[in-house]
Amino acid sequence: MYLYLAIFWLVVGVLLQVYWDVVAPYSLLPPDRTRPVMGAIFFVLFSYNIVRWRLARAMEQARREAEAMAHPPPKHATPVEYDPAFDFSKPSVVDEKPADEAKKDPPA
């Protein structure tokens, strides 16, 4: 929208400068000062809308980049298969203490 307004003010300002001899009799200000003042007003309106358009585009691009960084695409993970060698929830046979018959009861 800001770009269209900038183009509109540019066209109106250029047409006013080109056809100033037709428009000058209808001016309420002195004709010798009105032409540069009107040109400056239309230039300010044009510049304001160009700056607003450029800032709106930059903000939208920054928002898209921030959103892309906040939600990265999911990684495709391979499913992990069960390996009994790495199952540490059950005690292994190696960890068990051997039953020693000699240490049970001392001889009387």
PDB file of N, CA and C in Angstrom:
ATOM      1  N   MET A   1       0.827  -1.180   0.000  1.00  0.00           N
ATOM      2  CA  MET A   1       0.000   0.000   0.000  1.00  0.00           C
ATOM      3  C   MET A   1       0.883   1.260   0.000  1.00  0.00           C
ATOM      4  N   TYR A   2       1.968   1.227   0.786  1.00  0.00           N
ATOM      5  CA  TYR A   2       2.840   2.399   0.859  1.00  0.00           C
ATOM      6  C   TYR A   2       3.525   2.676  -0.472  1.00  0.00           C
ATOM      7  N   LEU A   3       3.836   1.617  -1.196  1.00  0.00           N
ATOM      8  CA  LEU A   3       4.469   1.814  -2.504  1.00  0.00           C
ATOM      9  C   LEU A   3       3.488   2.485  -3.467  1.00  0.00           C
ATOM     10  N   TYR A   4       2.223   2.076  -3.438  1.00  0.00           N
ATOM     11  CA  TYR A   4       1.226   2.704  -4.309  1.00  0.00           C
ATOM     12  C   TYR A   4       1.006   4.173  -3.945  1.00  0.00           C
ATOM     13  N   LEU A   5       1.002   4.467  -2.649  1.00  0.00           N
ATOM     14  CA  LEU A   5       0.858   5.869  -2.240  1.00  0.00           C
ATOM     15  C   LEU A   5       2.072   6.696  -2.673  1.00  0.00           C
ATOM     16  N   ALA A   6       3.265   6.111  -2.578  1.00  0.00           N
ATOM     17  CA  ALA A   6       4.464   6.831  -3.011  1.00  0.00           C
ATOM     18  C   ALA A   6       4.407   7.131  -4.501  1.00  0.00           C
ATOM     19  N   ILE A   7       3.982   6.152  -5.283  1.00  0.00           N
ATOM     20  CA  ILE A   7       3.862   6.375  -6.733  1.00  0.00           C
ATOM     21  C   ILE A   7       2.803   7.435  -7.015  1.00  0.00           C
ATOM     22  N   PHE A   8       1.697   7.388  -6.276  1.00  0.00           N
ATOM     23  CA  PHE A   8       0.641   8.385  -6.465  1.00  0.00           C
ATOM     24  C   PHE A   8       1.164   9.792  -6.200  1.00  0.00           C
ATOM     25  N   TRP A   9       1.854  10.004  -5.060  1.00  0.00           N
ATOM     26  CA  TRP A   9       2.361  11.334  -4.730  1.00  0.00           C
ATOM     27  C   TRP A   9       3.440  11.783  -5.705  1.00  0.00           C
ATOM     28  N   LEU A  10       4.235  10.864  -6.208  1.00  0.00           N
ATOM     29  CA  LEU A  10       5.244  11.214  -7.209  1.00  0.00           C
ATOM     30  C   LEU A  10       4.580  11.687  -8.500  1.00  0.00           C
ATOM     31  N   VAL A  11       3.566  10.958  -8.944  1.00  0.00           N
ATOM     32  CA  VAL A  11       2.869  11.343 -10.182  1.00  0.00           C
ATOM     33  C   VAL A  11       2.169  12.681 -10.014  1.00  0.00           C
ATOM     34  N   VAL A  12       1.482  12.880  -8.883  1.00  0.00           N
ATOM     35  CA  VAL A  12       0.787  14.151  -8.642  1.00  0.00           C
ATOM     36  C   VAL A  12       1.791  15.300  -8.590  1.00  0.00           C
ATOM     37  N   GLY A  13       2.915  15.096  -7.913  1.00  0.00           N
ATOM     38  CA  GLY A  13       3.925  16.150  -7.824  1.00  0.00           C
ATOM     39  C   GLY A  13       4.535  16.491  -9.177  1.00  0.00           C
ATOM     40  N   VAL A  14       4.828  15.467  -9.986  1.00  0.00           N
ATOM     41  CA  VAL A  14       5.401  15.719 -11.316  1.00  0.00           C
ATOM     42  C   VAL A  14       4.385  16.415 -12.213  1.00  0.00           C
ATOM     43  N   LEU A  15       3.135  15.948 -12.178  1.00  0.00           N
ATOM     44  CA  LEU A  15       2.107  16.596 -13.000  1.00  0.00           C
ATOM     45  C   LEU A  15       1.879  18.042 -12.564  1.00  0.00           C
ATOM     46  N   LEU A  16       1.924  18.293 -11.271  1.00  0.00           N
ATOM     47  CA  LEU A  16       1.746  19.667 -10.794  1.00  0.00           C
ATOM     48  C   LEU A  16       2.890  20.559 -11.266  1.00  0.00           C
ATOM     49  N   GLN A  17       4.110  20.051 -11.277  1.00  0.00           N
ATOM     50  CA  GLN A  17       5.251  20.844 -11.751  1.00  0.00           C
ATOM     51  C   GLN A  17       5.188  21.071 -13.260  1.00  0.00           C
ATOM     52  N   VAL A  18       4.740  20.050 -13.993  1.00  0.00           N
ATOM     53  CA  VAL A  18       4.681  20.179 -15.458  1.00  0.00           C
ATOM     54  C   VAL A  18       3.565  21.140 -15.872  1.00  0.00           C
ATOM     55  N   TYR A  19       2.398  20.991 -15.248  1.00  0.00           N
ATOM     56  CA  TYR A  19       1.250  21.813 -15.632  1.00  0.00           C
ATOM     57  C   TYR A  19       1.042  22.967 -14.644  1.00  0.00           C
ATOM     58  N   TRP A  20       2.116  23.556 -14.139  1.00  0.00           N
ATOM     59  CA  TRP A  20       2.001  24.617 -13.154  1.00  0.00           C
ATOM     60  C   TRP A  20       1.324  25.866 -13.727  1.00  0.00           C
ATOM     61  N   ASP A  21       1.522  26.156 -14.986  1.00  0.00           N
ATOM     62  CA  ASP A  21       0.918  27.348 -15.581  1.00  0.00           C
ATOM     63  C   ASP A  21      -0.606  27.265 -15.592  1.00  0.00           C
ATOM     64  N   VAL A  22      -1.158  26.062 -15.666  1.00  0.00           N
ATOM     65  CA  VAL A  22      -2.614  25.886 -15.653  1.00  0.00           C
ATOM     66  C   VAL A  22      -3.150  25.980 -14.229  1.00  0.00           C
ATOM     67  N   VAL A  23      -2.392  25.493 -13.256  1.00  0.00           N
ATOM     68  CA  VAL A  23      -2.852  25.421 -11.869  1.00  0.00           C
ATOM     69  C   VAL A  23      -2.585  26.719 -11.101  1.00  0.00           C
ATOM     70  N   ALA A  24      -1.603  27.500 -11.492  1.00  0.00           N
ATOM     71  CA  ALA A  24      -1.187  28.698 -10.748  1.00  0.00           C
ATOM     72  C   ALA A  24      -2.306  29.709 -10.515  1.00  0.00           C
ATOM     73  N   PRO A  25      -3.200  29.984 -11.461  1.00  0.00           N
ATOM     74  CA  PRO A  25      -4.258  30.974 -11.178  1.00  0.00           C
ATOM     75  C   PRO A  25      -5.199  30.556 -10.050  1.00  0.00           C
ATOM     76  N   TYR A  26      -5.301  29.250  -9.761  1.00  0.00           N
ATOM     77  CA  TYR A  26      -6.202  28.780  -8.710  1.00  0.00           C
ATOM     78  C   TYR A  26      -5.529  28.726  -7.331  1.00  0.00           C
ATOM     79  N   SER A  27      -4.290  29.063  -7.250  1.00  0.00           N
ATOM     80  CA  SER A  27      -3.546  29.005  -5.995  1.00  0.00           C
ATOM     81  C   SER A  27      -3.908  30.183  -5.101  1.00  0.00           C
ATOM     82  N   LEU A  28      -3.996  29.917  -3.794  1.00  0.00           N
ATOM     83  CA  LEU A  28      -4.303  30.971  -2.840  1.00  0.00           C
ATOM     84  C   LEU A  28      -3.041  31.675  -2.345  1.00  0.00           C
ATOM     85  N   LEU A  29      -1.887  31.066  -2.577  1.00  0.00           N
ATOM     86  CA  LEU A  29      -0.605  31.644  -2.173  1.00  0.00           C
ATOM     87  C   LEU A  29       0.001  32.409  -3.342  1.00  0.00           C
ATOM     88  N   PRO A  30       0.983  33.251  -3.081  1.00  0.00           N
ATOM     89  CA  PRO A  30       1.633  33.957  -4.191  1.00  0.00           C
ATOM     90  C   PRO A  30       2.265  32.961  -5.168  1.00  0.00           C
ATOM     91  N   PRO A  31       2.099  33.162  -6.466  1.00  0.00           N
ATOM     92  CA  PRO A  31       2.569  32.178  -7.451  1.00  0.00           C
ATOM     93  C   PRO A  31       4.083  31.982  -7.472  1.00  0.00           C
ATOM     94  N   ASP A  32       4.844  32.981  -7.116  1.00  0.00           N
ATOM     95  CA  ASP A  32       6.298  32.810  -7.183  1.00  0.00           C
ATOM     96  C   ASP A  32       6.840  31.875  -6.098  1.00  0.00           C
ATOM     97  N   ARG A  33       6.137  31.716  -4.958  1.00  0.00           N
ATOM     98  CA  ARG A  33       6.584  30.835  -3.885  1.00  0.00           C
ATOM     99  C   ARG A  33       5.856  29.499  -3.873  1.00  0.00           C
ATOM    100  N   THR A  34       4.764  29.391  -4.504  1.00  0.00           N
ATOM    101  CA  THR A  34       3.923  28.210  -4.391  1.00  0.00           C
ATOM    102  C   THR A  34       4.529  26.995  -5.099  1.00  0.00           C
ATOM    103  N   ARG A  35       5.144  27.202  -6.226  1.00  0.00           N
ATOM    104  CA  ARG A  35       5.665  26.070  -6.990  1.00  0.00           C
ATOM    105  C   ARG A  35       6.717  25.277  -6.210  1.00  0.00           C
ATOM    106  N   PRO A  36       7.760  25.884  -5.649  1.00  0.00           N
ATOM    107  CA  PRO A  36       8.736  25.068  -4.890  1.00  0.00           C
ATOM    108  C   PRO A  36       8.160  24.486  -3.600  1.00  0.00           C
ATOM    109  N   VAL A  37       7.243  25.221  -2.963  1.00  0.00           N
ATOM    110  CA  VAL A  37       6.639  24.706  -1.732  1.00  0.00           C
ATOM    111  C   VAL A  37       5.800  23.471  -2.031  1.00  0.00           C
ATOM    112  N   MET A  38       4.989  23.525  -3.074  1.00  0.00           N
ATOM    113  CA  MET A  38       4.161  22.371  -3.455  1.00  0.00           C
ATOM    114  C   MET A  38       5.045  21.198  -3.873  1.00  0.00           C
ATOM    115  N   GLY A  39       6.130  21.483  -4.597  1.00  0.00           N
ATOM    116  CA  GLY A  39       7.059  20.423  -4.974  1.00  0.00           C
ATOM    117  C   GLY A  39       7.683  19.763  -3.750  1.00  0.00           C
ATOM    118  N   ALA A  40       8.044  20.579  -2.755  1.00  0.00           N
ATOM    119  CA  ALA A  40       8.644  20.043  -1.532  1.00  0.00           C
ATOM    120  C   ALA A  40       7.636  19.207  -0.740  1.00  0.00           C
ATOM    121  N   ILE A  41       6.390  19.666  -0.685  1.00  0.00           N
ATOM    122  CA  ILE A  41       5.352  18.918   0.036  1.00  0.00           C
ATOM    123  C   ILE A  41       5.131  17.558  -0.605  1.00  0.00           C
ATOM    124  N   PHE A  42       5.011  17.513  -1.919  1.00  0.00           N
ATOM    125  CA  PHE A  42       4.797  16.232  -2.598  1.00  0.00           C
ATOM    126  C   PHE A  42       6.035  15.337  -2.504  1.00  0.00           C
ATOM    127  N   PHE A  43       7.219  15.935  -2.502  1.00  0.00           N
ATOM    128  CA  PHE A  43       8.432  15.143  -2.335  1.00  0.00           C
ATOM    129  C   PHE A  43       8.496  14.530  -0.941  1.00  0.00           C
ATOM    130  N   VAL A  44       8.089  15.280   0.077  1.00  0.00           N
ATOM    131  CA  VAL A  44       8.075  14.752   1.441  1.00  0.00           C
ATOM    132  C   VAL A  44       7.067  13.613   1.555  1.00  0.00           C
ATOM    133  N   LEU A  45       5.887  13.778   0.975  1.00  0.00           N
ATOM    134  CA  LEU A  45       4.891  12.705   1.002  1.00  0.00           C
ATOM    135  C   LEU A  45       5.402  11.456   0.275  1.00  0.00           C
ATOM    136  N   PHE A  46       6.035  11.649  -0.870  1.00  0.00           N
ATOM    137  CA  PHE A  46       6.609  10.538  -1.623  1.00  0.00           C
ATOM    138  C   PHE A  46       7.694   9.841  -0.802  1.00  0.00           C
ATOM    139  N   SER A  47       8.599  10.621  -0.213  1.00  0.00           N
ATOM    140  CA  SER A  47       9.702  10.041   0.560  1.00  0.00           C
ATOM    141  C   SER A  47       9.195   9.294   1.791  1.00  0.00           C
ATOM    142  N   TYR A  48       8.228   9.857   2.474  1.00  0.00           N
ATOM    143  CA  TYR A  48       7.661   9.216   3.664  1.00  0.00           C
ATOM    144  C   TYR A  48       7.092   7.841   3.320  1.00  0.00           C
ATOM    145  N   ASN A  49       6.357   7.764   2.230  1.00  0.00           N
ATOM    146  CA  ASN A  49       5.740   6.485   1.858  1.00  0.00           C
ATOM    147  C   ASN A  49       6.770   5.482   1.358  1.00  0.00           C
ATOM    148  N   ILE A  50       7.818   5.936   0.694  1.00  0.00           N
ATOM    149  CA  ILE A  50       8.883   5.022   0.272  1.00  0.00           C
ATOM    150  C   ILE A  50       9.595   4.446   1.493  1.00  0.00           C
ATOM    151  N   VAL A  51       9.879   5.275   2.482  1.00  0.00           N
ATOM    152  CA  VAL A  51      10.554   4.801   3.694  1.00  0.00           C
ATOM    153  C   VAL A  51       9.658   3.824   4.446  1.00  0.00           C
ATOM    154  N   ARG A  52       8.381   4.139   4.569  1.00  0.00           N
ATOM    155  CA  ARG A  52       7.451   3.233   5.248  1.00  0.00           C
ATOM    156  C   ARG A  52       7.346   1.900   4.528  1.00  0.00           C
ATOM    157  N   TRP A  53       7.330   1.925   3.199  1.00  0.00           N
ATOM    158  CA  TRP A  53       7.257   0.684   2.412  1.00  0.00           C
ATOM    159  C   TRP A  53       8.509  -0.162   2.645  1.00  0.00           C
ATOM    160  N   ARG A  54       9.674   0.482   2.627  1.00  0.00           N
ATOM    161  CA  ARG A  54      10.922  -0.257   2.805  1.00  0.00           C
ATOM    162  C   ARG A  54      11.023  -0.829   4.216  1.00  0.00           C
ATOM    163  N   LEU A  55      10.614  -0.073   5.227  1.00  0.00           N
ATOM    164  CA  LEU A  55      10.643  -0.575   6.603  1.00  0.00           C
ATOM    165  C   LEU A  55       9.654  -1.722   6.802  1.00  0.00           C
ATOM    166  N   ALA A  56       8.491  -1.638   6.175  1.00  0.00           N
ATOM    167  CA  ALA A  56       7.516  -2.722   6.282  1.00  0.00           C
ATOM    168  C   ALA A  56       8.072  -4.003   5.669  1.00  0.00           C
ATOM    169  N   ARG A  57       8.763  -3.883   4.533  1.00  0.00           N
ATOM    170  CA  ARG A  57       9.372  -5.063   3.904  1.00  0.00           C
ATOM    171  C   ARG A  57      10.473  -5.647   4.783  1.00  0.00           C
ATOM    172  N   ALA A  58      11.293  -4.795   5.379  1.00  0.00           N
ATOM    173  CA  ALA A  58      12.380  -5.266   6.238  1.00  0.00           C
ATOM    174  C   ALA A  58      11.832  -5.955   7.491  1.00  0.00           C
ATOM    175  N   MET A  59      10.771  -5.391   8.068  1.00  0.00           N
ATOM    176  CA  MET A  59      10.167  -6.004   9.247  1.00  0.00           C
ATOM    177  C   MET A  59       9.564  -7.361   8.915  1.00  0.00           C
ATOM    178  N   GLU A  60       8.921  -7.481   7.783  1.00  0.00           N
ATOM    179  CA  GLU A  60       8.330  -8.755   7.374  1.00  0.00           C
ATOM    180  C   GLU A  60       9.414  -9.805   7.144  1.00  0.00           C
ATOM    181  N   GLN A  61      10.503  -9.411   6.530  1.00  0.00           N
ATOM    182  CA  GLN A  61      11.604 -10.341   6.290  1.00  0.00           C
ATOM    183  C   GLN A  61      12.234 -10.777   7.615  1.00  0.00           C
ATOM    184  N   ALA A  62      12.419  -9.851   8.534  1.00  0.00           N
ATOM    185  CA  ALA A  62      12.986 -10.194   9.841  1.00  0.00           C
ATOM    186  C   ALA A  62      12.048 -11.113  10.619  1.00  0.00           C
ATOM    187  N   ARG A  63      10.746 -10.871  10.517  1.00  0.00           N
ATOM    188  CA  ARG A  63       9.772 -11.733  11.195  1.00  0.00           C
ATOM    189  C   ARG A  63       9.814 -13.141  10.635  1.00  0.00           C
ATOM    190  N   ARG A  64       9.896 -13.267   9.293  1.00  0.00           N
ATOM    191  CA  ARG A  64       9.969 -14.600   8.675  1.00  0.00           C
ATOM    192  C   ARG A  64      11.243 -15.332   9.086  1.00  0.00           C
ATOM    193  N   GLU A  65      12.372 -14.617   9.145  1.00  0.00           N
ATOM    194  CA  GLU A  65      13.625 -15.253   9.543  1.00  0.00           C
ATOM    195  C   GLU A  65      13.585 -15.687  11.002  1.00  0.00           C
ATOM    196  N   ALA A  66      13.012 -14.865  11.876  1.00  0.00           N
ATOM    197  CA  ALA A  66      12.910 -15.223  13.292  1.00  0.00           C
ATOM    198  C   ALA A  66      11.981 -16.415  13.477  1.00  0.00           C
ATOM    199  N   GLU A  67      10.907 -16.459  12.724  1.00  0.00           N
ATOM    200  CA  GLU A  67       9.977 -17.582  12.818  1.00  0.00           C
ATOM    201  C   GLU A  67      10.629 -18.866  12.316  1.00  0.00           C
ATOM    202  N   ALA A  68      11.436 -18.755  11.270  1.00  0.00           N
ATOM    203  CA  ALA A  68      12.120 -19.934  10.741  1.00  0.00           C
ATOM    204  C   ALA A  68      13.163 -20.446  11.730  1.00  0.00           C
ATOM    205  N   MET A  69      13.811 -19.540  12.461  1.00  0.00           N
ATOM    206  CA  MET A  69      14.806 -19.966  13.443  1.00  0.00           C
ATOM    207  C   MET A  69      14.137 -20.543  14.689  1.00  0.00           C
ATOM    208  N   ALA A  70      12.948 -20.068  15.025  1.00  0.00           N
ATOM    209  CA  ALA A  70      12.253 -20.556  16.212  1.00  0.00           C
ATOM    210  C   ALA A  70      11.667 -21.945  15.991  1.00  0.00           C
ATOM    211  N   HIS A  71      11.299 -22.255  14.770  1.00  0.00           N
ATOM    212  CA  HIS A  71      10.708 -23.545  14.438  1.00  0.00           C
ATOM    213  C   HIS A  71      11.538 -24.219  13.360  1.00  0.00           C
ATOM    214  N   PRO A  72      12.658 -24.850  13.734  1.00  0.00           N
ATOM    215  CA  PRO A  72      13.477 -25.499  12.705  1.00  0.00           C
ATOM    216  C   PRO A  72      12.761 -26.732  12.155  1.00  0.00           C
ATOM    217  N   PRO A  73      13.083 -27.122  10.961  1.00  0.00           N
ATOM    218  CA  PRO A  73      12.434 -28.304  10.396  1.00  0.00           C
ATOM    219  C   PRO A  73      12.816 -29.548  11.201  1.00  0.00           C
ATOM    220  N   PRO A  74      11.895 -30.501  11.321  1.00  0.00           N
ATOM    221  CA  PRO A  74      12.199 -31.689  12.121  1.00  0.00           C
ATOM    222  C   PRO A  74      13.284 -32.535  11.456  1.00  0.00           C
ATOM    223  N   LYS A  75      14.123 -33.116  12.305  1.00  0.00           N
ATOM    224  CA  LYS A  75      15.176 -33.982  11.799  1.00  0.00           C
ATOM    225  C   LYS A  75      14.616 -35.391  11.667  1.00  0.00           C
ATOM    226  N   HIS A  76      15.068 -36.100  10.674  1.00  0.00           N
ATOM    227  CA  HIS A  76      14.619 -37.473  10.461  1.00  0.00           C
ATOM    228  C   HIS A  76      15.547 -38.401  11.237  1.00  0.00           C
ATOM    229  N   ALA A  77      15.086 -38.860  12.383  1.00  0.00           N
ATOM    230  CA  ALA A  77      15.891 -39.727  13.229  1.00  0.00           C
ATOM    231  C   ALA A  77      15.620 -41.183  12.857  1.00  0.00           C
ATOM    232  N   THR A  78      16.662 -41.992  12.879  1.00  0.00           N
ATOM    233  CA  THR A  78      16.487 -43.414  12.611  1.00  0.00           C
ATOM    234  C   THR A  78      16.042 -44.089  13.903  1.00  0.00           C
ATOM    235  N   PRO A  79      15.142 -45.038  13.814  1.00  0.00           N
ATOM    236  CA  PRO A  79      14.690 -45.705  15.035  1.00  0.00           C
ATOM    237  C   PRO A  79      15.820 -46.549  15.629  1.00  0.00           C
ATOM    238  N   VAL A  80      15.893 -46.559  16.954  1.00  0.00           N
ATOM    239  CA  VAL A  80      16.932 -47.303  17.657  1.00  0.00           C
ATOM    240  C   VAL A  80      16.414 -48.711  17.938  1.00  0.00           C
ATOM    241  N   GLU A  81      17.186 -49.702  17.549  1.00  0.00           N
ATOM    242  CA  GLU A  81      16.792 -51.084  17.791  1.00  0.00           C
ATOM    243  C   GLU A  81      17.291 -51.535  19.165  1.00  0.00           C
ATOM    244  N   TYR A  82      16.579 -52.468  19.752  1.00  0.00           N
ATOM    245  CA  TYR A  82      16.924 -52.974  21.069  1.00  0.00           C
ATOM    246  C   TYR A  82      18.160 -53.864  20.948  1.00  0.00           C
ATOM    247  N   ASP A  83      19.142 -53.603  21.831  1.00  0.00           N
ATOM    248  CA  ASP A  83      20.357 -54.400  21.875  1.00  0.00           C
ATOM    249  C   ASP A  83      20.499 -54.906  23.308  1.00  0.00           C
ATOM    250  N   PRO A  84      20.390 -56.227  23.525  1.00  0.00           N
ATOM    251  CA  PRO A  84      20.446 -56.745  24.893  1.00  0.00           C
ATOM    252  C   PRO A  84      21.806 -56.539  25.561  1.00  0.00           C
ATOM    253  N   ALA A  85      22.860 -56.291  24.808  1.00  0.00           N
ATOM    254  CA  ALA A  85      24.170 -56.073  25.409  1.00  0.00           C
ATOM    255  C   ALA A  85      24.215 -54.761  26.192  1.00  0.00           C
ATOM    256  N   PHE A  86      23.328 -53.828  25.855  1.00  0.00           N
ATOM    257  CA  PHE A  86      23.307 -52.542  26.534  1.00  0.00           C
ATOM    258  C   PHE A  86      22.136 -52.392  27.490  1.00  0.00           C
ATOM    259  N   ASP A  87      21.510 -53.504  27.884  1.00  0.00           N
ATOM    260  CA  ASP A  87      20.396 -53.465  28.825  1.00  0.00           C
ATOM    261  C   ASP A  87      20.961 -53.617  30.230  1.00  0.00           C
ATOM    262  N   PHE A  88      21.022 -52.528  30.975  1.00  0.00           N
ATOM    263  CA  PHE A  88      21.590 -52.535  32.308  1.00  0.00           C
ATOM    264  C   PHE A  88      20.520 -52.571  33.397  1.00  0.00           C
ATOM    265  N   SER A  89      19.301 -52.843  33.067  1.00  0.00           N
ATOM    266  CA  SER A  89      18.239 -52.877  34.068  1.00  0.00           C
ATOM    267  C   SER A  89      18.241 -54.184  34.862  1.00  0.00           C
ATOM    268  N   LYS A  90      18.799 -55.266  34.317  1.00  0.00           N
ATOM    269  CA  LYS A  90      18.864 -56.552  35.023  1.00  0.00           C
ATOM    270  C   LYS A  90      20.313 -56.809  35.438  1.00  0.00           C
ATOM    271  N   PRO A  91      20.523 -57.374  36.619  1.00  0.00           N
ATOM    272  CA  PRO A  91      21.902 -57.692  37.009  1.00  0.00           C
ATOM    273  C   PRO A  91      22.438 -58.823  36.125  1.00  0.00           C
ATOM    274  N   SER A  92      23.676 -58.698  35.787  1.00  0.00           N
ATOM    275  CA  SER A  92      24.256 -59.726  34.930  1.00  0.00           C
ATOM    276  C   SER A  92      24.789 -60.881  35.779  1.00  0.00           C
ATOM    277  N   VAL A  93      25.114 -61.958  35.141  1.00  0.00           N
ATOM    278  CA  VAL A  93      25.617 -63.144  35.821  1.00  0.00           C
ATOM    279  C   VAL A  93      27.019 -62.867  36.377  1.00  0.00           C
ATOM    280  N   VAL A  94      27.782 -62.030  35.757  1.00  0.00           N
ATOM    281  CA  VAL A  94      29.141 -61.733  36.191  1.00  0.00           C
ATOM    282  C   VAL A  94      29.124 -60.993  37.529  1.00  0.00           C
ATOM    283  N   ASP A  95      28.129 -60.164  37.765  1.00  0.00           N
ATOM    284  CA  ASP A  95      28.081 -59.369  38.990  1.00  0.00           C
ATOM    285  C   ASP A  95      27.678 -60.191  40.216  1.00  0.00           C
ATOM    286  N   GLU A  96      27.070 -61.325  40.029  1.00  0.00           N
ATOM    287  CA  GLU A  96      26.635 -62.133  41.172  1.00  0.00           C
ATOM    288  C   GLU A  96      27.849 -62.739  41.870  1.00  0.00           C
ATOM    289  N   LYS A  97      27.776 -62.808  43.180  1.00  0.00           N
ATOM    290  CA  LYS A  97      28.868 -63.410  43.955  1.00  0.00           C
ATOM    291  C   LYS A  97      28.722 -64.934  43.932  1.00  0.00           C
ATOM    292  N   PRO A  98      29.834 -65.641  43.775  1.00  0.00           N
ATOM    293  CA  PRO A  98      29.728 -67.114  43.774  1.00  0.00           C
ATOM    294  C   PRO A  98      29.421 -67.640  45.184  1.00  0.00           C
ATOM    295  N   ALA A  99      28.655 -68.668  45.233  1.00  0.00           N
ATOM    296  CA  ALA A  99      28.303 -69.271  46.518  1.00  0.00           C
ATOM    297  C   ALA A  99      29.490 -70.114  46.997  1.00  0.00           C
ATOM    298  N   ASP A 100      29.985 -69.786  48.143  1.00  0.00           N
ATOM    299  CA  ASP A 100      31.138 -70.499  48.684  1.00  0.00           C
ATOM    300  C   ASP A 100      30.648 -71.340  49.870  1.00  0.00           C
ATOM    301  N   GLU A 101      30.763 -72.635  49.719  1.00  0.00           N
ATOM    302  CA  GLU A 101      30.282 -73.538  50.772  1.00  0.00           C
ATOM    303  C   GLU A 101      31.140 -73.472  52.023  1.00  0.00           C
ATOM    304  N   ALA A 102      32.363 -73.133  51.888  1.00  0.00           N
ATOM    305  CA  ALA A 102      33.269 -73.143  53.042  1.00  0.00           C
ATOM    306  C   ALA A 102      33.024 -71.960  53.970  1.00  0.00           C
ATOM    307  N   LYS A 103      32.504 -70.904  53.484  1.00  0.00           N
ATOM    308  CA  LYS A 103      32.322 -69.705  54.279  1.00  0.00           C
ATOM    309  C   LYS A 103      30.954 -69.654  54.969  1.00  0.00           C
ATOM    310  N   LYS A 104      30.109 -70.642  54.760  1.00  0.00           N
ATOM    311  CA  LYS A 104      28.784 -70.565  55.331  1.00  0.00           C
ATOM    312  C   LYS A 104      28.833 -70.620  56.862  1.00  0.00           C
ATOM    313  N   ASP A 105      29.265 -71.709  57.410  1.00  0.00           N
ATOM    314  CA  ASP A 105      29.323 -71.878  58.859  1.00  0.00           C
ATOM    315  C   ASP A 105      30.738 -72.319  59.258  1.00  0.00           C
ATOM    316  N   PRO A 106      31.262 -71.709  60.295  1.00  0.00           N
ATOM    317  CA  PRO A 106      32.580 -72.155  60.730  1.00  0.00           C
ATOM    318  C   PRO A 106      32.490 -73.533  61.440  1.00  0.00           C
ATOM    319  N   PRO A 107      33.513 -74.347  61.338  1.00  0.00           N
ATOM    320  CA  PRO A 107      33.444 -75.667  62.000  1.00  0.00           C
ATOM    321  C   PRO A 107      33.436 -75.520  63.523  1.00  0.00           C
ATOM    322  N   ALA A 108      32.670 -76.373  64.195  1.00  0.00           N
ATOM    323  CA  ALA A 108      32.571 -76.301  65.650  1.00  0.00           C
ATOM    324  C   ALA A 108      33.371 -77.336  66.348  1.00  0.00           C
TER     325      ALA A 108
END
